C-alpha cells in the first residue's frame, strides 16, 4: 500500500528529468550531428519521453490512490509553517495580502 512517503519519492524521481536532459545536451555538444548522430539523438529523446511518461503515470496513480484512501484529509497547517514568508513581500501591506 502506497503512502505519502512513496508519493514524495516518486516526485523526486520525476525531477531527475533535468539531469537526463543535461546529459543529452552534453552528448549533442560533443558530437557532430551527421545523419547517424541525428538518429541516435532522436532515439535518446524518444526513450526519454517514454521513460518520463511511465514515471508520471506511476506518480499520478499513487496520487489517485492516496486521495481515495483519504491520506490527505488530516493534514494540518501550523501557524509556524509560514514563518518567514513576510520577508518575500516586504513592500506589501499585510492587510492587502490575499
PDB file of N, CA and C in Angstrom:
ATOM      1  N   UNK A   1       0.849  -1.181   0.000  1.00  0.00           N
ATOM      2  CA  UNK A   1       0.000   0.000   0.000  1.00  0.00           C
ATOM      3  C   UNK A   1       0.893   1.242   0.000  1.00  0.00           C
ATOM      4  N   UNK A   2       0.617   2.164  -0.882  1.00  0.00           N
ATOM      5  CA  UNK A   2       1.400   3.390  -1.015  1.00  0.00           C
ATOM      6  C   UNK A   2       1.034   4.378   0.097  1.00  0.00           C
ATOM      7  N   UNK A   3       2.008   5.189   0.473  1.00  0.00           N
ATOM      8  CA  UNK A   3       1.736   6.241   1.438  1.00  0.00           C
ATOM      9  C   UNK A   3       2.331   7.549   0.937  1.00  0.00           C
ATOM     10  N   UNK A   4       2.235   8.585   1.768  1.00  0.00           N
ATOM     11  CA  UNK A   4       2.722   9.909   1.358  1.00  0.00           C
ATOM     12  C   UNK A   4       4.213   9.901   1.077  1.00  0.00           C
ATOM     13  N   UNK A   5       4.950   9.025   1.742  1.00  0.00           N
ATOM     14  CA  UNK A   5       6.395   8.972   1.527  1.00  0.00           C
ATOM     15  C   UNK A   5       6.729   8.348   0.178  1.00  0.00           C
ATOM     16  N   UNK A   6       5.937   7.348  -0.246  1.00  0.00           N
ATOM     17  CA  UNK A   6       6.094   6.792  -1.594  1.00  0.00           C
ATOM     18  C   UNK A   6       5.816   7.870  -2.633  1.00  0.00           C
ATOM     19  N   UNK A   7       4.787   8.640  -2.385  1.00  0.00           N
ATOM     20  CA  UNK A   7       4.410   9.731  -3.278  1.00  0.00           C
ATOM     21  C   UNK A   7       5.552  10.738  -3.398  1.00  0.00           C
ATOM     22  N   UNK A   8       6.139  11.109  -2.257  1.00  0.00           N
ATOM     23  CA  UNK A   8       7.250  12.056  -2.257  1.00  0.00           C
ATOM     24  C   UNK A   8       8.442  11.503  -3.046  1.00  0.00           C
ATOM     25  N   UNK A   9       8.752  10.224  -2.868  1.00  0.00           N
ATOM     26  CA  UNK A   9       9.879   9.622  -3.579  1.00  0.00           C
ATOM     27  C   UNK A   9       9.626   9.619  -5.085  1.00  0.00           C
ATOM     28  N   UNK A  10       8.396   9.360  -5.493  1.00  0.00           N
ATOM     29  CA  UNK A  10       8.074   9.370  -6.918  1.00  0.00           C
ATOM     30  C   UNK A  10       8.192  10.767  -7.502  1.00  0.00           C
ATOM     31  N   UNK A  11       7.829  11.780  -6.740  1.00  0.00           N
ATOM     32  CA  UNK A  11       8.001  13.160  -7.198  1.00  0.00           C
ATOM     33  C   UNK A  11       9.488  13.437  -7.413  1.00  0.00           C
ATOM     34  N   UNK A  12      10.314  13.027  -6.464  1.00  0.00           N
ATOM     35  CA  UNK A  12      11.754  13.241  -6.594  1.00  0.00           C
ATOM     36  C   UNK A  12      12.308  12.514  -7.814  1.00  0.00           C
ATOM     37  N   UNK A  13      11.823  11.308  -8.082  1.00  0.00           N
ATOM     38  CA  UNK A  13      12.265  10.561  -9.262  1.00  0.00           C
ATOM     39  C   UNK A  13      11.910  11.296 -10.551  1.00  0.00           C
ATOM     40  N   UNK A  14      10.760  11.922 -10.583  1.00  0.00           N
ATOM     41  CA  UNK A  14      10.350  12.663 -11.786  1.00  0.00           C
ATOM     42  C   UNK A  14      11.260  13.850 -12.038  1.00  0.00           C
ATOM     43  N   UNK A  15      11.775  14.435 -10.996  1.00  0.00           N
ATOM     44  CA  UNK A  15      12.649  15.589 -11.170  1.00  0.00           C
ATOM     45  C   UNK A  15      13.994  15.217 -11.788  1.00  0.00           C
ATOM     46  N   UNK A  16      14.298  13.956 -11.872  1.00  0.00           N
ATOM     47  CA  UNK A  16      15.551  13.541 -12.494  1.00  0.00           C
ATOM     48  C   UNK A  16      15.586  13.867 -13.983  1.00  0.00           C
ATOM     49  N   UNK A  17      14.473  14.244 -14.544  1.00  0.00           N
ATOM     50  CA  UNK A  17      14.420  14.557 -15.974  1.00  0.00           C
ATOM     51  C   UNK A  17      15.431  15.642 -16.332  1.00  0.00           C
ATOM     52  N   UNK A  18      15.652  16.566 -15.444  1.00  0.00           N
ATOM     53  CA  UNK A  18      16.591  17.642 -15.762  1.00  0.00           C
ATOM     54  C   UNK A  18      18.017  17.119 -15.896  1.00  0.00           C
ATOM     55  N   UNK A  19      18.372  16.141 -15.082  1.00  0.00           N
ATOM     56  CA  UNK A  19      19.701  15.529 -15.217  1.00  0.00           C
ATOM     57  C   UNK A  19      19.829  14.812 -16.557  1.00  0.00           C
ATOM     58  N   UNK A  20      18.769  14.130 -16.962  1.00  0.00           N
ATOM     59  CA  UNK A  20      18.798  13.415 -18.241  1.00  0.00           C
ATOM     60  C   UNK A  20      18.896  14.386 -19.417  1.00  0.00           C
ATOM     61  N   UNK A  21      18.211  15.497 -19.313  1.00  0.00           N
ATOM     62  CA  UNK A  21      18.271  16.499 -20.383  1.00  0.00           C
ATOM     63  C   UNK A  21      19.674  17.100 -20.462  1.00  0.00           C
ATOM     64  N   UNK A  22      20.292  17.349 -19.309  1.00  0.00           N
ATOM     65  CA  UNK A  22      21.674  17.847 -19.307  1.00  0.00           C
ATOM     66  C   UNK A  22      22.608  16.856 -19.996  1.00  0.00           C
ATOM     67  N   UNK A  23      22.412  15.580 -19.744  1.00  0.00           N
ATOM     68  CA  UNK A  23      23.240  14.557 -20.373  1.00  0.00           C
ATOM     69  C   UNK A  23      23.059  14.563 -21.888  1.00  0.00           C
ATOM     70  N   UNK A  24      21.816  14.691 -22.348  1.00  0.00           N
ATOM     71  CA  UNK A  24      21.561  14.743 -23.786  1.00  0.00           C
ATOM     72  C   UNK A  24      22.219  15.978 -24.397  1.00  0.00           C
ATOM     73  N   UNK A  25      22.128  17.105 -23.713  1.00  0.00           N
ATOM     74  CA  UNK A  25      22.762  18.327 -24.212  1.00  0.00           C
ATOM     75  C   UNK A  25      24.272  18.146 -24.330  1.00  0.00           C
ATOM     76  N   UNK A  26      24.863  17.474 -23.353  1.00  0.00           N
ATOM     77  CA  UNK A  26      26.300  17.203 -23.398  1.00  0.00           C
ATOM     78  C   UNK A  26      26.634  16.298 -24.585  1.00  0.00           C
ATOM     79  N   UNK A  27      25.822  15.279 -24.797  1.00  0.00           N
ATOM     80  CA  UNK A  27      26.040  14.370 -25.927  1.00  0.00           C
ATOM     81  C   UNK A  27      26.016  15.130 -27.252  1.00  0.00           C
ATOM     82  N   UNK A  28      25.061  16.036 -27.386  1.00  0.00           N
ATOM     83  CA  UNK A  28      24.926  16.806 -28.623  1.00  0.00           C
ATOM     84  C   UNK A  28      26.127  17.717 -28.815  1.00  0.00           C
ATOM     85  N   UNK A  29      26.537  18.387 -27.731  1.00  0.00           N
ATOM     86  CA  UNK A  29      27.646  19.333 -27.853  1.00  0.00           C
ATOM     87  C   UNK A  29      28.974  18.644 -28.155  1.00  0.00           C
ATOM     88  N   UNK A  30      29.081  17.381 -27.818  1.00  0.00           N
ATOM     89  CA  UNK A  30      30.327  16.670 -28.032  1.00  0.00           C
ATOM     90  C   UNK A  30      30.353  15.852 -29.320  1.00  0.00           C
ATOM     91  N   UNK A  31      29.319  15.951 -30.114  1.00  0.00           N
ATOM     92  CA  UNK A  31      29.295  15.131 -31.330  1.00  0.00           C
ATOM     93  C   UNK A  31      28.906  15.963 -32.548  1.00  0.00           C
ATOM     94  N   UNK A  32      29.346  15.500 -33.697  1.00  0.00           N
ATOM     95  CA  UNK A  32      28.931  16.072 -34.965  1.00  0.00           C
ATOM     96  C   UNK A  32      27.556  15.493 -35.293  1.00  0.00           C
ATOM     97  N   UNK A  33      26.668  16.352 -35.721  1.00  0.00           N
ATOM     98  CA  UNK A  33      25.294  15.904 -35.952  1.00  0.00           C
ATOM     99  C   UNK A  33      25.084  15.447 -37.401  1.00  0.00           C
ATOM    100  N   UNK A  34      25.765  14.414 -37.777  1.00  0.00           N
ATOM    101  CA  UNK A  34      25.509  13.797 -39.068  1.00  0.00           C
ATOM    102  C   UNK A  34      24.251  12.939 -38.985  1.00  0.00           C
ATOM    103  N   UNK A  35      23.850  12.319 -40.095  1.00  0.00           N
ATOM    104  CA  UNK A  35      22.613  11.514 -40.099  1.00  0.00           C
ATOM    105  C   UNK A  35      22.596  10.420 -39.033  1.00  0.00           C
ATOM    106  N   UNK A  36      23.720   9.747 -38.858  1.00  0.00           N
ATOM    107  CA  UNK A  36      23.784   8.685 -37.856  1.00  0.00           C
ATOM    108  C   UNK A  36      23.605   9.258 -36.452  1.00  0.00           C
ATOM    109  N   UNK A  37      24.257  10.405 -36.178  1.00  0.00           N
ATOM    110  CA  UNK A  37      24.132  11.042 -34.870  1.00  0.00           C
ATOM    111  C   UNK A  37      22.721  11.585 -34.641  1.00  0.00           C
ATOM    112  N   UNK A  38      22.120  12.127 -35.687  1.00  0.00           N
ATOM    113  CA  UNK A  38      20.753  12.626 -35.558  1.00  0.00           C
ATOM    114  C   UNK A  38      19.805  11.490 -35.178  1.00  0.00           C
ATOM    115  N   UNK A  39      20.001  10.327 -35.806  1.00  0.00           N
ATOM    116  CA  UNK A  39      19.164   9.168 -35.497  1.00  0.00           C
ATOM    117  C   UNK A  39      19.375   8.747 -34.046  1.00  0.00           C
ATOM    118  N   UNK A  40      20.619   8.726 -33.609  1.00  0.00           N
ATOM    119  CA  UNK A  40      20.938   8.365 -32.231  1.00  0.00           C
ATOM    120  C   UNK A  40      20.290   9.356 -31.258  1.00  0.00           C
ATOM    121  N   UNK A  41      20.401  10.646 -31.578  1.00  0.00           N
ATOM    122  CA  UNK A  41      19.814  11.693 -30.748  1.00  0.00           C
ATOM    123  C   UNK A  41      18.295  11.526 -30.651  1.00  0.00           C
ATOM    124  N   UNK A  42      17.654  11.271 -31.763  1.00  0.00           N
ATOM    125  CA  UNK A  42      16.195  11.098 -31.758  1.00  0.00           C
ATOM    126  C   UNK A  42      15.793   9.873 -30.939  1.00  0.00           C
ATOM    127  N   UNK A  43      16.564   8.801 -31.031  1.00  0.00           N
ATOM    128  CA  UNK A  43      16.258   7.607 -30.240  1.00  0.00           C
ATOM    129  C   UNK A  43      16.371   7.896 -28.740  1.00  0.00           C
ATOM    130  N   UNK A  44      17.372   8.695 -28.353  1.00  0.00           N
ATOM    131  CA  UNK A  44      17.519   9.074 -26.948  1.00  0.00           C
ATOM    132  C   UNK A  44      16.304   9.876 -26.495  1.00  0.00           C
ATOM    133  N   UNK A  45      15.887  10.844 -27.294  1.00  0.00           N
ATOM    134  CA  UNK A  45      14.734  11.667 -26.918  1.00  0.00           C
ATOM    135  C   UNK A  45      13.449  10.848 -26.837  1.00  0.00           C
ATOM    136  N   UNK A  46      13.257   9.933 -27.783  1.00  0.00           N
ATOM    137  CA  UNK A  46      12.073   9.067 -27.754  1.00  0.00           C
ATOM    138  C   UNK A  46      12.094   8.203 -26.486  1.00  0.00           C
ATOM    139  N   UNK A  47      13.270   7.677 -26.161  1.00  0.00           N
ATOM    140  CA  UNK A  47      13.395   6.885 -24.937  1.00  0.00           C
ATOM    141  C   UNK A  47      13.097   7.701 -23.697  1.00  0.00           C
ATOM    142  N   UNK A  48      13.593   8.948 -23.664  1.00  0.00           N
ATOM    143  CA  UNK A  48      13.318   9.825 -22.523  1.00  0.00           C
ATOM    144  C   UNK A  48      11.826  10.092 -22.397  1.00  0.00           C
ATOM    145  N   UNK A  49      11.178  10.314 -23.510  1.00  0.00           N
ATOM    146  CA  UNK A  49       9.742  10.579 -23.488  1.00  0.00           C
ATOM    147  C   UNK A  49       8.991   9.388 -22.890  1.00  0.00           C
ATOM    148  N   UNK A  50       9.323   8.204 -23.321  1.00  0.00           N
ATOM    149  CA  UNK A  50       8.664   7.008 -22.800  1.00  0.00           C
ATOM    150  C   UNK A  50       8.962   6.804 -21.313  1.00  0.00           C
ATOM    151  N   UNK A  51      10.212   7.020 -20.924  1.00  0.00           N
ATOM    152  CA  UNK A  51      10.612   6.875 -19.534  1.00  0.00           C
ATOM    153  C   UNK A  51       9.797   7.804 -18.639  1.00  0.00           C
ATOM    154  N   UNK A  52       9.713   9.066 -19.020  1.00  0.00           N
ATOM    155  CA  UNK A  52       9.019  10.023 -18.168  1.00  0.00           C
ATOM    156  C   UNK A  52       7.510   9.902 -18.243  1.00  0.00           C
ATOM    157  N   UNK A  53       6.977   9.429 -19.339  1.00  0.00           N
ATOM    158  CA  UNK A  53       5.552   9.113 -19.352  1.00  0.00           C
ATOM    159  C   UNK A  53       5.258   8.028 -18.330  1.00  0.00           C
ATOM    160  N   UNK A  54       6.108   7.007 -18.258  1.00  0.00           N
ATOM    161  CA  UNK A  54       5.921   5.930 -17.278  1.00  0.00           C
ATOM    162  C   UNK A  54       6.061   6.458 -15.849  1.00  0.00           C
ATOM    163  N   UNK A  55       7.056   7.306 -15.598  1.00  0.00           N
ATOM    164  CA  UNK A  55       7.246   7.869 -14.251  1.00  0.00           C
ATOM    165  C   UNK A  55       6.046   8.711 -13.834  1.00  0.00           C
ATOM    166  N   UNK A  56       5.568   9.562 -14.732  1.00  0.00           N
ATOM    167  CA  UNK A  56       4.447  10.423 -14.390  1.00  0.00           C
ATOM    168  C   UNK A  56       3.150   9.624 -14.240  1.00  0.00           C
ATOM    169  N   UNK A  57       2.984   8.563 -15.019  1.00  0.00           N
ATOM    170  CA  UNK A  57       1.820   7.688 -14.836  1.00  0.00           C
ATOM    171  C   UNK A  57       1.850   7.055 -13.445  1.00  0.00           C
ATOM    172  N   UNK A  58       3.020   6.572 -13.041  1.00  0.00           N
ATOM    173  CA  UNK A  58       3.171   5.972 -11.717  1.00  0.00           C
ATOM    174  C   UNK A  58       2.869   6.998 -10.629  1.00  0.00           C
ATOM    175  N   UNK A  59       3.385   8.197 -10.789  1.00  0.00           N
ATOM    176  CA  UNK A  59       3.154   9.270  -9.821  1.00  0.00           C
ATOM    177  C   UNK A  59       1.674   9.591  -9.703  1.00  0.00           C
ATOM    178  N   UNK A  60       1.000   9.727 -10.838  1.00  0.00           N
ATOM    179  CA  UNK A  60      -0.418  10.077 -10.804  1.00  0.00           C
ATOM    180  C   UNK A  60      -1.250   8.942 -10.219  1.00  0.00           C
ATOM    181  N   UNK A  61      -0.896   7.700 -10.526  1.00  0.00           N
ATOM    182  CA  UNK A  61      -1.620   6.564  -9.942  1.00  0.00           C
ATOM    183  C   UNK A  61      -1.474   6.542  -8.422  1.00  0.00           C
ATOM    184  N   UNK A  62      -0.274   6.851  -7.932  1.00  0.00           N
ATOM    185  CA  UNK A  62      -0.066   6.922  -6.482  1.00  0.00           C
ATOM    186  C   UNK A  62      -0.894   8.047  -5.883  1.00  0.00           C
ATOM    187  N   UNK A  63      -0.910   9.185  -6.541  1.00  0.00           N
ATOM    188  CA  UNK A  63      -1.713  10.313  -6.063  1.00  0.00           C
ATOM    189  C   UNK A  63      -3.178   9.923  -5.970  1.00  0.00           C
ATOM    190  N   UNK A  64      -3.711   9.287  -7.021  1.00  0.00           N
ATOM    191  CA  UNK A  64      -5.115   8.866  -7.001  1.00  0.00           C
ATOM    192  C   UNK A  64      -5.390   7.894  -5.853  1.00  0.00           C
ATOM    193  N   UNK A  65      -4.458   6.976  -5.601  1.00  0.00           N
ATOM    194  CA  UNK A  65      -4.616   6.021  -4.508  1.00  0.00           C
ATOM    195  C   UNK A  65      -4.640   6.726  -3.166  1.00  0.00           C
ATOM    196  N   UNK A  66      -3.710   7.658  -2.970  1.00  0.00           N
ATOM    197  CA  UNK A  66      -3.648   8.385  -1.711  1.00  0.00           C
ATOM    198  C   UNK A  66      -4.904   9.208  -1.474  1.00  0.00           C
ATOM    199  N   UNK A  67      -5.419   9.824  -2.512  1.00  0.00           N
ATOM    200  CA  UNK A  67      -6.650  10.611  -2.380  1.00  0.00           C
ATOM    201  C   UNK A  67      -7.813   9.694  -2.034  1.00  0.00           C
ATOM    202  N   UNK A  68      -7.918   8.559  -2.728  1.00  0.00           N
ATOM    203  CA  UNK A  68      -9.041   7.652  -2.476  1.00  0.00           C
ATOM    204  C   UNK A  68      -8.972   7.035  -1.077  1.00  0.00           C
ATOM    205  N   UNK A  69      -7.771   6.902  -0.524  1.00  0.00           N
ATOM    206  CA  UNK A  69      -7.604   6.370   0.833  1.00  0.00           C
ATOM    207  C   UNK A  69      -7.731   7.455   1.899  1.00  0.00           C
ATOM    208  N   UNK A  70      -7.882   8.705   1.481  1.00  0.00           N
ATOM    209  CA  UNK A  70      -8.056   9.804   2.427  1.00  0.00           C
ATOM    210  C   UNK A  70      -6.787  10.206   3.153  1.00  0.00           C
ATOM    211  N   UNK A  71      -5.628   9.937   2.568  1.00  0.00           N
ATOM    212  CA  UNK A  71      -4.379  10.232   3.266  1.00  0.00           C
ATOM    213  C   UNK A  71      -4.042  11.719   3.315  1.00  0.00           C
ATOM    214  N   UNK A  72      -4.794  12.552   2.611  1.00  0.00           N
ATOM    215  CA  UNK A  72      -4.547  13.992   2.663  1.00  0.00           C
ATOM    216  C   UNK A  72      -5.582  14.712   3.529  1.00  0.00           C
ATOM    217  N   UNK A  73      -6.573  13.987   4.034  1.00  0.00           N
ATOM    218  CA  UNK A  73      -7.661  14.619   4.787  1.00  0.00           C
ATOM    219  C   UNK A  73      -7.222  15.242   6.095  1.00  0.00           C
ATOM    220  N   UNK A  74      -6.331  14.608   6.806  1.00  0.00           N
ATOM    221  CA  UNK A  74      -5.963  15.068   8.141  1.00  0.00           C
ATOM    222  C   UNK A  74      -4.672  15.867   8.170  1.00  0.00           C
ATOM    223  N   UNK A  75      -4.305  16.429   7.042  1.00  0.00           N
ATOM    224  CA  UNK A  75      -3.087  17.239   7.017  1.00  0.00           C
ATOM    225  C   UNK A  75      -3.399  18.620   7.601  1.00  0.00           C
ATOM    226  N   UNK A  76      -2.728  18.957   8.667  1.00  0.00           N
ATOM    227  CA  UNK A  76      -2.974  20.236   9.335  1.00  0.00           C
ATOM    228  C   UNK A  76      -1.820  21.194   9.055  1.00  0.00           C
ATOM    229  N   UNK A  77      -2.155  22.462   8.971  1.00  0.00           N
ATOM    230  CA  UNK A  77      -1.146  23.505   8.808  1.00  0.00           C
ATOM    231  C   UNK A  77      -0.982  24.192  10.140  1.00  0.00           C
ATOM    232  N   UNK A  78       0.237  24.306  10.568  1.00  0.00           N
ATOM    233  CA  UNK A  78       0.537  25.007  11.813  1.00  0.00           C
ATOM    234  C   UNK A  78       0.949  26.438  11.486  1.00  0.00           C
ATOM    235  N   UNK A  79       0.594  27.392  12.334  1.00  0.00           N
ATOM    236  CA  UNK A  79       0.989  28.778  12.063  1.00  0.00           C
ATOM    237  C   UNK A  79       2.491  28.932  11.846  1.00  0.00           C
ATOM    238  N   UNK A  80       3.307  28.144  12.523  1.00  0.00           N
ATOM    239  CA  UNK A  80       4.750  28.229  12.376  1.00  0.00           C
ATOM    240  C   UNK A  80       5.242  27.805  11.004  1.00  0.00           C
ATOM    241  N   UNK A  81       4.407  27.075  10.252  1.00  0.00           N
ATOM    242  CA  UNK A  81       4.804  26.628   8.917  1.00  0.00           C
ATOM    243  C   UNK A  81       5.031  27.796   7.968  1.00  0.00           C
ATOM    244  N   UNK A  82       4.469  28.954   8.281  1.00  0.00           N
ATOM    245  CA  UNK A  82       4.521  30.097   7.375  1.00  0.00           C
ATOM    246  C   UNK A  82       5.470  31.181   7.839  1.00  0.00           C
ATOM    247  N   UNK A  83       6.260  30.903   8.865  1.00  0.00           N
ATOM    248  CA  UNK A  83       7.215  31.896   9.354  1.00  0.00           C
ATOM    249  C   UNK A  83       8.221  32.237   8.265  1.00  0.00           C
ATOM    250  N   UNK A  84       8.514  33.493   8.140  1.00  0.00           N
ATOM    251  CA  UNK A  84       9.496  33.931   7.161  1.00  0.00           C
ATOM    252  C   UNK A  84       8.902  34.306   5.817  1.00  0.00           C
ATOM    253  N   UNK A  85       7.638  34.001   5.578  1.00  0.00           N
ATOM    254  CA  UNK A  85       7.034  34.332   4.289  1.00  0.00           C
ATOM    255  C   UNK A  85       6.856  35.838   4.113  1.00  0.00           C
ATOM    256  N   UNK A  86       6.719  36.559   5.232  1.00  0.00           N
ATOM    257  CA  UNK A  86       6.575  38.015   5.128  1.00  0.00           C
ATOM    258  C   UNK A  86       7.795  38.634   4.465  1.00  0.00           C
ATOM    259  N   UNK A  87       8.946  38.008   4.614  1.00  0.00           N
ATOM    260  CA  UNK A  87      10.170  38.521   4.008  1.00  0.00           C
ATOM    261  C   UNK A  87      10.123  38.467   2.485  1.00  0.00           C
ATOM    262  N   UNK A  88       9.259  37.622   1.923  1.00  0.00           N
ATOM    263  CA  UNK A  88       9.162  37.504   0.470  1.00  0.00           C
ATOM    264  C   UNK A  88       8.485  38.717  -0.156  1.00  0.00           C
ATOM    265  N   UNK A  89       7.597  39.375   0.603  1.00  0.00           N
ATOM    266  CA  UNK A  89       6.870  40.536   0.099  1.00  0.00           C
ATOM    267  C   UNK A  89       7.035  41.709   1.066  1.00  0.00           C
ATOM    268  N   UNK A  90       8.256  42.247   1.208  1.00  0.00           N
ATOM    269  CA  UNK A  90       8.492  43.273   2.225  1.00  0.00           C
ATOM    270  C   UNK A  90       7.753  44.583   1.952  1.00  0.00           C
ATOM    271  N   UNK A  91       7.425  44.881   0.682  1.00  0.00           N
ATOM    272  CA  UNK A  91       6.789  46.163   0.348  1.00  0.00           C
ATOM    273  C   UNK A  91       5.277  46.090   0.415  1.00  0.00           C
ATOM    274  N   UNK A  92       4.716  44.911   0.637  1.00  0.00           N
ATOM    275  CA  UNK A  92       3.271  44.760   0.604  1.00  0.00           C
ATOM    276  C   UNK A  92       2.708  44.807   2.026  1.00  0.00           C
ATOM    277  N   UNK A  93       1.644  45.600   2.192  1.00  0.00           N
ATOM    278  CA  UNK A  93       0.977  45.680   3.479  1.00  0.00           C
ATOM    279  C   UNK A  93       0.287  44.355   3.754  1.00  0.00           C
ATOM    280  N   UNK A  94       0.415  43.837   4.973  1.00  0.00           N
ATOM    281  CA  UNK A  94      -0.180  42.536   5.318  1.00  0.00           C
ATOM    282  C   UNK A  94      -1.684  42.523   5.101  1.00  0.00           C
ATOM    283  N   UNK A  95      -2.339  43.682   5.289  1.00  0.00           N
ATOM    284  CA  UNK A  95      -3.782  43.747   5.085  1.00  0.00           C
ATOM    285  C   UNK A  95      -4.173  43.588   3.628  1.00  0.00           C
ATOM    286  N   UNK A  96      -3.257  43.863   2.718  1.00  0.00           N
ATOM    287  CA  UNK A  96      -3.527  43.752   1.283  1.00  0.00           C
ATOM    288  C   UNK A  96      -3.270  42.353   0.747  1.00  0.00           C
ATOM    289  N   UNK A  97      -2.614  41.504   1.533  1.00  0.00           N
ATOM    290  CA  UNK A  97      -2.261  40.167   1.058  1.00  0.00           C
ATOM    291  C   UNK A  97      -3.511  39.329   0.928  1.00  0.00           C
ATOM    292  N   UNK A  98      -3.578  38.499  -0.123  1.00  0.00           N
ATOM    293  CA  UNK A  98      -4.779  37.663  -0.322  1.00  0.00           C
ATOM    294  C   UNK A  98      -4.939  36.618   0.744  1.00  0.00           C
TER     295      UNK A  98
END
